[in-house]
Amino acid sequence: MPSRKAKTVKAPTAQAKPAAEPAPFISDPDTLSFPFAAYTGLVGIHTSLLAFTALYLPRSSLYFPQSLYNAYYQVPDYVLGLPKSDVAGTSVLAVLTASPVQTLAWTLGGVALLQAWWGGYVRQWALRSREEGSQGERKAQRQELEKDKVAALNQAFVTTAITSVVFFAVIVLFGAPLASHLPHTYLLSLLLSFLAVFPAAYTLGIPLALRWPTFSSWPELDESQSTFVTRIHWVRLFAELSPRSPVERALVYPAAGTALGCWLGAIPLALDWDRSWQAWPLPPTYGALLGYVLGSFVAMAASAVKYFAEMNRLNIRLRAERGVKEERKKK
């Protein structure tokens, strides 16, 4: 019988697995978490409501009976005696300058409400940017962090009250009257604290905390790791002025604008013009509000520019990698 040659069966060669694609290069990952549409819309709403609060909310004092205001506020009779039908004909400047204490009180009330709302939004934004893992893990992290919401809000209010005393001392050292106009100066200090400190305290936490080891002992400075990290965070943002993410810019730039606007707003006080709007502390108050609004827009513009630049850089890299793959397929 003819011998049959054994057929050699070639073992199937293992197909080489394609190499894992390198992750696209992102120089600033936090920038890609920037909610451009929502943030720009809320900045517009927030600044518009601040303008309304500063210019038109103090006019609501005209609707209260004259007996509620004593002679301490020194409100002219031609303002308080106006009937409701003549309120629309009164100039906004005359109403705002009639009683600086009333103007600051109404403005402070509106600013406190707006800053509580704005601080809550920035806090939610910051918490969402820190979430990691799957959708279920992110939901669990969000629920865990939401438990501290009331405590964080209380700490923010306490921090705002404490820093208002610090601002009061600083304003007095810069030349504010100490023997008189104390309500005027403190209301300005509290307004600055709500504008510059409250959103950061609500979002980041307080940098200094006290603890009582026993009821009979003196309070001690909390040196826990979380408090130390928060303190370093505050130093980097508000001492070094080096924000690194859109959330940090949304906190630092308006605060810096508030301080700069308040300082520049005090310049007209030294001018011998004898105008009603030069009454203390109206120029620093409206300078601080204007500086806060401009700082908010600068933060929005800077974050938007960085966001679109990062997206453009990422798209260029992805197109380049796609072109390299197509050339390899052709070969």
Protein backbone atom coordinates (compact mmCIF):
# COMPACT_ATOMS: atom_id res chain seq x y z
CA MET A 1 0.00 0.00 0.00
CA PRO A 2 1.27 3.37 -0.85
CA SER A 3 2.46 5.17 2.15
CA ARG A 4 0.50 8.14 3.11
CA LYS A 5 2.36 11.17 4.19
CA ALA A 6 1.12 12.61 7.33
CA LYS A 7 -0.27 16.03 6.84
CA THR A 8 1.26 18.58 9.02
CA VAL A 9 -1.33 20.62 10.74
CA LYS A 10 -0.24 24.10 11.56
CA ALA A 11 -1.23 25.27 14.93
CA PRO A 12 -3.31 28.35 14.75
CA THR A 13 -1.21 31.31 15.45
CA ALA A 14 -2.45 33.50 18.24
CA GLN A 15 -3.58 36.80 16.90
CA ALA A 16 -1.78 39.67 18.43
CA LYS A 17 -4.05 41.82 20.50
CA PRO A 18 -4.03 45.44 19.57
CA ALA A 19 -2.14 47.58 21.96
CA ALA A 20 -4.19 49.57 24.36
CA GLU A 21 -4.77 53.07 23.17
CA PRO A 22 -3.07 55.67 25.27
CA ALA A 23 -5.35 57.92 27.22
CA PRO A 24 -5.69 61.36 25.74
CA PHE A 25 -3.41 63.90 27.30
CA ILE A 26 -5.30 66.30 29.57
CA SER A 27 -3.22 68.98 31.20
CA ASP A 28 -6.01 70.13 33.53
CA PRO A 29 -8.63 67.44 34.26
CA ASP A 30 -10.63 69.74 36.55
CA THR A 31 -11.25 72.10 33.65
CA LEU A 32 -13.27 69.48 31.75
CA SER A 33 -15.76 69.30 34.65
CA PHE A 34 -16.68 72.94 34.06
CA PRO A 35 -20.50 73.24 33.58
CA PHE A 36 -20.28 76.09 31.09
CA ALA A 37 -23.98 76.55 30.26
CA ALA A 38 -25.33 76.22 33.79
CA TYR A 39 -22.57 78.30 35.36
CA THR A 40 -22.78 81.22 32.94
CA GLY A 41 -26.56 81.35 33.26
CA LEU A 42 -26.46 81.35 37.06
CA VAL A 43 -23.74 84.00 37.15
CA GLY A 44 -25.99 86.26 35.10
CA ILE A 45 -28.94 85.63 37.40
CA HIS A 46 -26.86 86.06 40.54
CA THR A 47 -25.27 89.36 39.48
CA SER A 48 -28.59 90.73 38.24
CA LEU A 49 -30.25 89.97 41.58
CA LEU A 50 -27.34 91.60 43.41
CA ALA A 51 -27.82 94.75 41.33
CA PHE A 52 -31.55 94.72 42.07
CA THR A 53 -30.82 94.22 45.77
CA ALA A 54 -28.41 97.15 45.90
CA LEU A 55 -30.41 99.63 43.84
CA TYR A 56 -34.10 98.88 44.38
CA LEU A 57 -34.56 96.78 47.50
CA PRO A 58 -33.77 99.71 49.87
CA ARG A 59 -36.71 101.61 48.36
CA SER A 60 -39.05 99.17 50.10
CA SER A 61 -38.41 101.12 53.33
CA LEU A 62 -40.79 103.76 51.95
CA TYR A 63 -43.68 101.35 52.44
CA PHE A 64 -43.22 101.15 56.21
CA PRO A 65 -44.88 103.55 58.64
CA GLN A 66 -42.81 106.53 59.64
CA SER A 67 -43.08 105.57 63.30
CA LEU A 68 -40.78 102.58 62.73
CA TYR A 69 -37.82 104.88 62.12
CA ASN A 70 -36.64 107.12 64.92
CA ALA A 71 -34.54 110.23 64.68
CA TYR A 72 -31.32 108.20 64.89
CA TYR A 73 -31.51 107.28 61.22
CA GLN A 74 -31.99 110.94 60.24
CA VAL A 75 -34.31 110.23 57.35
CA PRO A 76 -35.57 113.48 55.78
CA ASP A 77 -39.26 114.21 56.05
CA TYR A 78 -39.59 114.68 52.30
CA VAL A 79 -38.69 111.01 51.86
CA LEU A 80 -40.62 109.38 54.71
CA GLY A 81 -43.65 111.58 54.17
CA LEU A 82 -44.14 110.55 50.57
CA PRO A 83 -47.38 108.73 49.79
CA LYS A 84 -47.22 105.47 47.85
CA SER A 85 -48.32 107.24 44.69
CA ASP A 86 -45.21 109.45 44.78
CA VAL A 87 -42.68 106.66 45.35
CA ALA A 88 -42.19 106.03 41.64
CA GLY A 89 -41.37 109.70 41.08
CA THR A 90 -38.61 109.77 43.69
CA SER A 91 -35.11 109.38 42.32
CA VAL A 92 -33.27 106.21 43.28
CA LEU A 93 -30.25 108.23 44.44
CA ALA A 94 -32.35 110.34 46.83
CA VAL A 95 -33.82 107.25 48.46
CA LEU A 96 -30.52 105.41 48.75
CA THR A 97 -28.71 108.36 50.30
CA ALA A 98 -31.52 109.43 52.65
CA SER A 99 -30.48 106.93 55.34
CA PRO A 100 -27.25 104.94 54.84
CA VAL A 101 -28.16 102.58 57.70
CA GLN A 102 -31.47 101.67 56.12
CA THR A 103 -29.83 101.23 52.74
CA LEU A 104 -27.16 98.93 54.16
CA ALA A 105 -29.67 96.96 56.22
CA TRP A 106 -31.93 96.22 53.26
CA THR A 107 -28.96 95.49 51.00
CA LEU A 108 -27.40 93.20 53.59
CA GLY A 109 -30.62 91.22 53.96
CA GLY A 110 -30.87 90.62 50.22
CA VAL A 111 -27.17 89.81 49.87
CA ALA A 112 -27.34 87.28 52.74
CA LEU A 113 -30.16 85.37 51.01
CA LEU A 114 -28.45 85.47 47.62
CA GLN A 115 -25.11 84.35 49.00
CA ALA A 116 -26.74 81.44 50.83
CA TRP A 117 -28.25 80.29 47.53
CA TRP A 118 -25.06 80.90 45.57
CA GLY A 119 -22.87 79.20 48.16
CA GLY A 120 -25.12 76.14 48.03
CA TYR A 121 -24.71 75.93 44.26
CA VAL A 122 -20.92 76.26 44.40
CA ARG A 123 -20.77 73.67 47.18
CA GLN A 124 -22.78 71.18 45.10
CA TRP A 125 -20.51 71.87 42.14
CA ALA A 126 -17.40 71.26 44.25
CA LEU A 127 -18.80 68.03 45.71
CA ARG A 128 -19.73 66.66 42.29
CA SER A 129 -16.26 67.39 40.94
CA ARG A 130 -14.75 65.22 43.71
CA GLU A 131 -16.92 62.17 43.05
CA GLU A 132 -15.16 59.05 41.78
CA GLY A 133 -16.12 55.52 40.83
CA SER A 134 -19.29 54.09 39.34
CA GLN A 135 -22.68 55.75 39.35
CA GLY A 136 -23.75 53.88 42.48
CA GLU A 137 -20.56 54.79 44.30
CA ARG A 138 -20.98 58.43 43.33
CA LYS A 139 -24.54 58.42 44.62
CA ALA A 140 -23.39 56.94 47.93
CA GLN A 141 -20.65 59.55 48.22
CA ARG A 142 -23.16 62.31 47.47
CA GLN A 143 -25.56 61.06 50.14
CA GLU A 144 -22.74 60.82 52.69
CA LEU A 145 -21.63 64.39 52.00
CA GLU A 146 -25.18 65.73 52.05
CA LYS A 147 -25.49 64.68 55.69
CA ASP A 148 -23.11 67.49 56.67
CA LYS A 149 -25.03 70.17 54.77
CA VAL A 150 -26.75 71.72 57.79
CA ALA A 151 -23.56 71.63 59.85
CA ALA A 152 -21.60 73.23 57.00
CA LEU A 153 -24.24 75.97 56.66
CA ASN A 154 -24.12 76.73 60.38
CA GLN A 155 -20.33 76.84 60.33
CA ALA A 156 -20.42 79.20 57.36
CA PHE A 157 -22.74 81.63 59.19
CA VAL A 158 -20.58 81.50 62.33
CA THR A 159 -17.42 82.08 60.28
CA THR A 160 -19.08 85.01 58.51
CA ALA A 161 -20.01 86.59 61.85
CA ILE A 162 -16.47 86.16 63.22
CA THR A 163 -14.77 87.55 60.12
CA SER A 164 -17.13 90.54 60.16
CA VAL A 165 -15.51 91.57 63.45
CA VAL A 166 -12.09 91.21 61.83
CA PHE A 167 -13.21 93.32 58.88
CA PHE A 168 -14.61 95.91 61.31
CA ALA A 169 -11.21 96.23 62.99
CA VAL A 170 -9.43 96.50 59.64
CA ILE A 171 -11.83 99.17 58.37
CA VAL A 172 -11.34 101.18 61.56
CA LEU A 173 -7.57 100.91 61.19
CA PHE A 174 -7.91 102.24 57.64
CA GLY A 175 -9.60 105.38 58.95
CA ALA A 176 -13.27 104.66 59.61
CA PRO A 177 -14.75 106.65 62.52
CA LEU A 178 -14.67 104.77 65.79
CA ALA A 179 -16.41 107.26 68.07
CA SER A 180 -19.46 107.48 65.78
CA HIS A 181 -21.18 105.67 62.90
CA LEU A 182 -20.63 102.26 64.51
CA PRO A 183 -23.76 100.68 62.95
CA HIS A 184 -22.68 102.00 59.55
CA THR A 185 -19.22 100.48 59.85
CA TYR A 186 -20.36 97.12 61.19
CA LEU A 187 -23.04 96.68 58.53
CA LEU A 188 -20.37 97.33 55.90
CA SER A 189 -18.11 94.76 57.58
CA LEU A 190 -20.89 92.18 57.64
CA LEU A 191 -21.68 92.84 53.99
CA LEU A 192 -18.02 92.30 53.03
CA SER A 193 -17.98 89.09 55.04
CA PHE A 194 -21.06 87.72 53.26
CA LEU A 195 -19.64 88.60 49.86
CA ALA A 196 -16.06 87.38 50.33
CA VAL A 197 -16.14 84.73 53.08
CA PHE A 198 -19.52 83.00 53.19
CA PRO A 199 -19.37 81.10 49.84
CA ALA A 200 -15.84 79.87 50.56
CA ALA A 201 -16.67 78.84 54.13
CA TYR A 202 -19.76 76.95 52.94
CA THR A 203 -17.90 75.24 50.09
CA LEU A 204 -14.46 74.51 51.54
CA GLY A 205 -15.17 74.33 55.25
CA ILE A 206 -13.72 76.47 58.01
CA PRO A 207 -9.92 76.76 58.21
CA LEU A 208 -9.80 77.06 62.01
CA ALA A 209 -11.79 74.97 64.46
CA LEU A 210 -11.76 74.73 68.24
CA ARG A 211 -12.40 71.69 70.39
CA TRP A 212 -13.00 71.27 74.09
CA PRO A 213 -11.25 68.19 75.57
CA THR A 214 -13.27 68.65 78.79
CA PHE A 215 -15.91 71.07 79.95
CA SER A 216 -13.57 72.62 82.50
CA SER A 217 -10.62 73.09 80.14
CA TRP A 218 -9.82 75.90 77.73
CA PRO A 219 -10.61 75.35 74.06
CA GLU A 220 -7.78 74.05 71.91
CA LEU A 221 -7.08 74.50 68.23
CA ASP A 222 -8.20 71.50 66.20
CA GLU A 223 -5.12 70.01 64.54
CA SER A 224 -6.82 67.11 62.77
CA GLN A 225 -5.74 66.20 59.27
CA SER A 226 -8.93 67.43 57.59
CA THR A 227 -8.73 70.82 59.30
CA PHE A 228 -5.05 71.14 58.40
CA VAL A 229 -5.76 70.37 54.74
CA THR A 230 -8.60 72.90 54.71
CA ARG A 231 -6.31 75.50 56.25
CA ILE A 232 -3.64 74.90 53.60
CA HIS A 233 -6.37 75.18 50.95
CA TRP A 234 -7.46 78.57 52.29
CA VAL A 235 -3.87 79.81 52.41
CA ARG A 236 -3.26 78.83 48.79
CA LEU A 237 -6.46 80.44 47.58
CA PHE A 238 -6.73 83.65 49.59
CA ALA A 239 -3.13 84.33 50.65
CA GLU A 240 -1.31 83.19 47.53
CA LEU A 241 -4.27 83.92 45.18
CA SER A 242 -3.55 80.82 43.08
CA PRO A 243 -6.81 79.08 42.13
CA ARG A 244 -6.39 75.95 39.99
CA SER A 245 -9.93 74.97 39.03
CA PRO A 246 -13.15 76.71 37.93
CA VAL A 247 -14.66 76.17 41.37
CA GLU A 248 -11.72 77.87 43.05
CA ARG A 249 -11.81 80.76 40.59
CA ALA A 250 -15.53 81.20 41.32
CA LEU A 251 -14.59 81.72 44.98
CA VAL A 252 -11.34 83.70 44.76
CA TYR A 253 -11.97 86.23 41.99
CA PRO A 254 -15.23 87.66 43.42
CA ALA A 255 -13.65 87.87 46.88
CA ALA A 256 -10.63 89.72 45.49
CA GLY A 257 -12.95 92.00 43.51
CA THR A 258 -14.92 92.75 46.68
CA ALA A 259 -11.81 93.85 48.59
CA LEU A 260 -10.46 95.88 45.68
CA GLY A 261 -13.83 97.52 44.98
CA CYS A 262 -14.32 98.46 48.63
CA TRP A 263 -10.85 100.01 48.77
CA LEU A 264 -11.34 101.98 45.56
CA GLY A 265 -14.83 103.01 46.64
CA ALA A 266 -13.39 104.78 49.68
CA ILE A 267 -11.45 107.23 47.47
CA PRO A 268 -14.43 109.57 46.80
CA LEU A 269 -14.88 110.01 50.57
CA ALA A 270 -11.78 112.21 50.69
CA LEU A 271 -13.04 114.52 47.95
CA ASP A 272 -14.54 117.78 49.17
CA TRP A 273 -17.59 117.68 46.92
CA ASP A 274 -20.25 117.65 49.66
CA ARG A 275 -22.53 115.29 47.75
CA SER A 276 -25.24 113.18 49.36
CA TRP A 277 -23.86 109.95 47.90
CA GLN A 278 -20.54 110.54 49.70
CA ALA A 279 -22.13 109.67 53.05
CA TRP A 280 -20.31 106.93 54.95
CA PRO A 281 -20.26 104.07 54.01
CA LEU A 282 -22.19 104.21 50.71
CA PRO A 283 -19.21 104.52 48.30
CA PRO A 284 -17.31 101.52 49.78
CA THR A 285 -20.54 99.51 49.90
CA TYR A 286 -21.39 99.96 46.24
CA GLY A 287 -17.72 99.67 45.30
CA ALA A 288 -17.60 96.27 47.00
CA LEU A 289 -20.76 95.12 45.23
CA LEU A 290 -19.47 96.31 41.86
CA GLY A 291 -16.13 94.61 42.50
CA TYR A 292 -17.89 91.37 43.38
CA VAL A 293 -19.94 91.46 40.17
CA LEU A 294 -16.87 92.20 38.03
CA GLY A 295 -14.91 89.47 39.81
CA SER A 296 -17.68 86.99 39.05
CA PHE A 297 -17.57 87.84 35.36
CA VAL A 298 -13.75 87.61 35.31
CA ALA A 299 -13.92 84.17 36.95
CA MET A 300 -16.51 83.04 34.41
CA ALA A 301 -14.48 84.35 31.46
CA ALA A 302 -11.19 82.85 32.70
CA SER A 303 -12.76 79.43 33.31
CA ALA A 304 -14.52 79.51 29.94
CA VAL A 305 -11.29 80.37 28.08
CA LYS A 306 -9.39 77.58 29.83
CA TYR A 307 -12.25 75.15 29.21
CA PHE A 308 -12.43 75.80 25.47
CA ALA A 309 -8.62 75.81 25.17
CA GLU A 310 -8.45 72.42 26.92
CA MET A 311 -11.21 71.03 24.72
CA ASN A 312 -9.43 72.28 21.61
CA ARG A 313 -6.15 70.73 22.76
CA LEU A 314 -7.91 67.43 23.41
CA ASN A 315 -9.61 67.46 20.00
CA ILE A 316 -6.31 68.17 18.22
CA ARG A 317 -4.66 65.22 19.95
CA LEU A 318 -7.56 62.89 19.16
CA ARG A 319 -7.53 63.90 15.49
CA ALA A 320 -3.77 63.33 15.33
CA GLU A 321 -4.12 59.85 16.84
CA ARG A 322 -6.95 59.05 14.42
CA GLY A 323 -4.78 60.10 11.48
CA VAL A 324 -1.94 57.84 12.64
CA LYS A 325 -4.33 54.86 12.86
CA GLU A 326 -5.64 55.44 9.36
CA GLU A 327 -2.13 55.59 7.93
CA ARG A 328 -1.25 52.29 9.63
CA LYS A 329 -4.34 50.65 8.15
CA LYS A 330 -3.41 51.80 4.64
CA LYS A 331 0.06 50.26 4.97
